[in-house]
Amino acid sequence: MATPIRPIPVVTGDDALRFVEAAEAAERTPHTVELGISREEFNKIMQTAQLY
C-alpha cells in the first residue's frame, strides 16, 4: 500500500511577510564564491580545459 503524501504547510500572516521580505532581500544581494585562486590562474585553467 502506498504511503500518503503529507500536506505542505502554508505560511500565513507575519511569518509569510517575513519570509517574502527575506527572499526578496536575498534575491537583490549578489552572491560570490571564493575560489581560493586568482582570476589569472582560473583563466589559465579554463583555457587548457577541454570543454566539449
N, C-alpha and C. Protein backbone atom coordinates (compact mmCIF):
# COMPACT_ATOMS: atom_id res chain seq x y z
N MET A 1 0.85 -1.16 0.00
CA MET A 1 0.00 0.00 0.00
C MET A 1 0.90 1.24 0.00
N ALA A 2 0.48 2.26 -0.72
CA ALA A 2 1.27 3.48 -0.86
C ALA A 2 1.18 4.33 0.40
N THR A 3 2.26 5.03 0.66
CA THR A 3 2.29 5.96 1.79
C THR A 3 1.63 7.26 1.36
N PRO A 4 0.70 7.77 2.14
CA PRO A 4 0.05 9.02 1.74
C PRO A 4 1.02 10.20 1.76
N ILE A 5 0.83 11.11 0.83
CA ILE A 5 1.66 12.30 0.76
C ILE A 5 1.20 13.27 1.83
N ARG A 6 2.15 13.77 2.59
CA ARG A 6 1.80 14.71 3.65
C ARG A 6 1.46 16.07 3.06
N PRO A 7 0.52 16.76 3.64
CA PRO A 7 0.18 18.09 3.13
C PRO A 7 1.34 19.07 3.35
N ILE A 8 1.48 19.99 2.43
CA ILE A 8 2.52 21.01 2.52
C ILE A 8 2.00 22.13 3.41
N PRO A 9 2.74 22.51 4.44
CA PRO A 9 2.27 23.59 5.31
C PRO A 9 2.22 24.92 4.56
N VAL A 10 1.22 25.71 4.88
CA VAL A 10 1.05 27.02 4.25
C VAL A 10 1.44 28.08 5.26
N VAL A 11 2.33 28.98 4.85
CA VAL A 11 2.79 30.04 5.73
C VAL A 11 1.87 31.24 5.51
N THR A 12 1.35 31.78 6.62
CA THR A 12 0.43 32.92 6.52
C THR A 12 0.82 33.99 7.53
N GLY A 13 0.22 35.16 7.38
CA GLY A 13 0.39 36.22 8.36
C GLY A 13 1.77 36.84 8.37
N ASP A 14 2.22 37.21 9.59
CA ASP A 14 3.51 37.87 9.75
C ASP A 14 4.67 36.99 9.31
N ASP A 15 4.55 35.67 9.53
CA ASP A 15 5.60 34.75 9.11
C ASP A 15 5.77 34.78 7.59
N ALA A 16 4.65 34.84 6.87
CA ALA A 16 4.71 34.88 5.41
C ALA A 16 5.35 36.18 4.93
N LEU A 17 5.01 37.29 5.57
CA LEU A 17 5.61 38.57 5.19
C LEU A 17 7.11 38.58 5.41
N ARG A 18 7.55 38.06 6.56
CA ARG A 18 8.99 37.99 6.84
C ARG A 18 9.69 37.09 5.83
N PHE A 19 9.05 35.98 5.48
CA PHE A 19 9.64 35.06 4.50
C PHE A 19 9.81 35.74 3.16
N VAL A 20 8.78 36.43 2.69
CA VAL A 20 8.84 37.10 1.39
C VAL A 20 9.89 38.21 1.42
N GLU A 21 9.95 38.99 2.48
CA GLU A 21 10.96 40.05 2.58
C GLU A 21 12.37 39.47 2.57
N ALA A 22 12.59 38.39 3.28
CA ALA A 22 13.90 37.76 3.31
C ALA A 22 14.26 37.20 1.93
N ALA A 23 13.30 36.61 1.25
CA ALA A 23 13.56 36.06 -0.08
C ALA A 23 13.89 37.17 -1.08
N GLU A 24 13.16 38.28 -1.02
CA GLU A 24 13.43 39.39 -1.92
C GLU A 24 14.79 40.03 -1.63
N ALA A 25 15.15 40.15 -0.35
CA ALA A 25 16.45 40.70 0.01
C ALA A 25 17.57 39.81 -0.49
N ALA A 26 17.41 38.51 -0.37
CA ALA A 26 18.43 37.57 -0.84
C ALA A 26 18.55 37.63 -2.36
N GLU A 27 17.45 37.87 -3.04
CA GLU A 27 17.48 37.96 -4.49
C GLU A 27 18.21 39.22 -4.95
N ARG A 28 18.10 40.31 -4.21
CA ARG A 28 18.76 41.56 -4.58
C ARG A 28 20.25 41.55 -4.25
N THR A 29 20.66 40.74 -3.30
CA THR A 29 22.05 40.72 -2.85
C THR A 29 22.87 39.80 -3.75
N PRO A 30 23.91 40.33 -4.40
CA PRO A 30 24.75 39.45 -5.23
C PRO A 30 25.56 38.51 -4.34
N HIS A 31 25.68 37.28 -4.80
CA HIS A 31 26.44 36.28 -4.07
C HIS A 31 27.69 35.93 -4.86
N THR A 32 28.79 35.80 -4.17
CA THR A 32 30.04 35.41 -4.81
C THR A 32 30.60 34.17 -4.11
N VAL A 33 31.44 33.48 -4.84
CA VAL A 33 32.09 32.29 -4.31
C VAL A 33 33.59 32.52 -4.35
N GLU A 34 34.26 32.31 -3.24
CA GLU A 34 35.71 32.47 -3.17
C GLU A 34 36.35 31.17 -3.64
N LEU A 35 37.10 31.23 -4.74
CA LEU A 35 37.71 30.04 -5.31
C LEU A 35 39.04 29.69 -4.66
N GLY A 36 39.70 30.65 -4.07
CA GLY A 36 40.99 30.39 -3.45
C GLY A 36 42.14 30.48 -4.43
N ILE A 37 41.84 30.86 -5.69
CA ILE A 37 42.89 31.08 -6.68
C ILE A 37 42.63 32.42 -7.34
N SER A 38 43.64 32.94 -7.99
CA SER A 38 43.49 34.25 -8.64
C SER A 38 42.70 34.10 -9.94
N ARG A 39 42.20 35.22 -10.42
CA ARG A 39 41.45 35.22 -11.68
C ARG A 39 42.34 34.76 -12.83
N GLU A 40 43.61 35.16 -12.81
CA GLU A 40 44.54 34.76 -13.87
C GLU A 40 44.74 33.24 -13.88
N GLU A 41 44.90 32.66 -12.69
CA GLU A 41 45.06 31.21 -12.59
C GLU A 41 43.81 30.50 -13.09
N PHE A 42 42.65 31.03 -12.72
CA PHE A 42 41.39 30.43 -13.16
C PHE A 42 41.27 30.49 -14.68
N ASN A 43 41.59 31.65 -15.26
CA ASN A 43 41.51 31.78 -16.72
C ASN A 43 42.48 30.83 -17.42
N LYS A 44 43.67 30.65 -16.84
CA LYS A 44 44.65 29.73 -17.42
C LYS A 44 44.11 28.29 -17.39
N ILE A 45 43.49 27.90 -16.29
CA ILE A 45 42.91 26.56 -16.18
C ILE A 45 41.80 26.38 -17.21
N MET A 46 40.95 27.40 -17.35
CA MET A 46 39.83 27.30 -18.29
C MET A 46 40.31 27.24 -19.74
N GLN A 47 41.41 27.90 -20.04
CA GLN A 47 41.95 27.85 -21.40
C GLN A 47 42.49 26.47 -21.73
N THR A 48 43.07 25.81 -20.74
CA THR A 48 43.65 24.48 -21.01
C THR A 48 42.63 23.36 -20.86
N ALA A 49 41.47 23.66 -20.29
CA ALA A 49 40.44 22.64 -20.09
C ALA A 49 39.86 22.25 -21.44
N GLN A 50 39.56 20.98 -21.59
CA GLN A 50 38.93 20.51 -22.82
C GLN A 50 37.43 20.51 -22.59
N LEU A 51 36.80 21.54 -23.09
CA LEU A 51 35.35 21.66 -22.94
C LEU A 51 34.67 21.11 -24.19
N TYR A 52 33.72 20.23 -23.98
CA TYR A 52 33.05 19.61 -25.12
C TYR A 52 31.72 20.23 -25.34
